Protein backbone atom coordinates (compact mmCIF):
# COMPACT_ATOMS: atom_id res chain seq x y z
CA UNK A 1 -154.64 157.88 219.68
CA UNK A 2 -155.27 160.70 222.15
CA UNK A 3 -152.59 161.84 224.55
CA UNK A 4 -153.48 162.16 228.22
CA UNK A 5 -153.41 165.96 227.97
CA UNK A 6 -156.04 165.81 225.22
CA UNK A 7 -158.23 163.50 227.28
CA UNK A 8 -158.02 165.84 230.26
CA UNK A 9 -158.82 168.83 228.03
CA UNK A 10 -161.86 166.98 226.63
CA UNK A 11 -163.10 166.29 230.16
CA UNK A 12 -162.68 169.95 231.08
CA UNK A 13 -164.57 171.12 227.99
CA UNK A 14 -167.38 168.58 228.41
CA UNK A 15 -167.75 169.28 232.12
CA UNK A 16 -167.96 173.01 231.46
CA UNK A 17 -170.63 172.44 228.77
CA UNK A 18 -172.69 170.19 231.06
CA UNK A 19 -172.51 172.74 233.87
CA UNK A 20 -173.56 175.47 231.45
CA UNK A 21 -176.54 173.36 230.31
CA UNK A 22 -177.78 173.23 233.91
CA UNK A 23 -176.73 176.79 234.72
CA UNK A 24 -174.60 175.45 237.57
CA UNK A 25 -171.66 177.07 239.29
CA UNK A 26 -168.78 175.09 240.73
CA UNK A 27 -170.37 175.48 244.14
CA UNK A 28 -173.70 174.05 242.93
CA UNK A 29 -171.90 171.10 241.31
CA UNK A 30 -170.05 170.53 244.58
CA UNK A 31 -173.36 170.45 246.47
CA UNK A 32 -174.97 168.06 243.98
CA UNK A 33 -172.00 165.71 243.44
CA UNK A 34 -170.10 165.81 246.71
CA UNK A 35 -166.90 166.55 244.79
CA UNK A 36 -165.06 169.43 246.51
CA UNK A 37 -165.01 172.72 244.58
CA UNK A 38 -161.18 172.90 244.45
CA UNK A 39 -161.14 169.55 242.63
CA UNK A 40 -163.85 170.73 240.22
CA UNK A 41 -161.76 173.84 239.56
CA UNK A 42 -158.68 171.71 238.82
CA UNK A 43 -160.67 169.58 236.38
CA UNK A 44 -162.11 172.65 234.63
CA UNK A 45 -158.59 174.03 234.28
CA UNK A 46 -157.30 170.69 232.92
CA UNK A 47 -154.93 170.19 235.85
CA UNK A 48 -154.17 166.75 237.22
CA UNK A 49 -155.93 163.48 236.54
CA UNK A 50 -159.19 162.90 238.46
CA UNK A 51 -160.07 159.38 239.51
CA UNK A 52 -162.88 157.41 237.95
CA UNK A 53 -165.08 157.73 241.06
CA UNK A 54 -164.74 161.52 240.95
CA UNK A 55 -165.72 161.65 237.28
CA UNK A 56 -168.57 159.19 237.91
CA UNK A 57 -169.95 161.39 240.71
CA UNK A 58 -169.83 164.44 238.43
CA UNK A 59 -171.51 162.56 235.59
CA UNK A 60 -174.25 161.29 237.87
CA UNK A 61 -174.94 164.76 239.27
CA UNK A 62 -175.11 166.19 235.74
CA UNK A 63 -177.38 163.37 234.53
CA UNK A 64 -174.91 162.23 231.89
CA UNK A 65 -172.58 159.29 231.35
CA UNK A 66 -168.88 158.82 231.89
CA UNK A 67 -168.60 158.23 228.16
CA UNK A 68 -170.09 161.62 227.33
CA UNK A 69 -167.90 163.47 229.83
CA UNK A 70 -164.79 161.81 228.43
CA UNK A 71 -165.71 161.92 224.73
CA UNK A 72 -163.72 163.89 222.22
CA UNK A 73 -165.61 166.61 220.32
CA UNK A 74 -165.53 164.52 217.12
CA UNK A 75 -167.03 161.51 218.88
CA UNK A 76 -169.80 163.66 220.37
CA UNK A 77 -170.61 165.05 216.92
CA UNK A 78 -170.80 161.58 215.39
CA UNK A 79 -173.02 160.35 218.23
CA UNK A 80 -175.48 163.20 217.59
CA UNK A 81 -175.69 162.60 213.84
CA UNK A 82 -176.00 158.81 213.97
């Protein structure tokens, strides 16, 4: 079972990868999602625990799902191969 710190780290890693895929900065993600840049920065640095609405807004802006943003690297790998 994952600890909360691992879940938050997964979110940070997955958010960073999704932003990279779009070539987006924190400011661009703020503009597209409505989530303030300081909150995006905290998520990317694995600080605090964002609410589900915040994560949902980020996922929607990045054209992905909550599940993919919160997935562990192993789960993402298995999803790609299956």
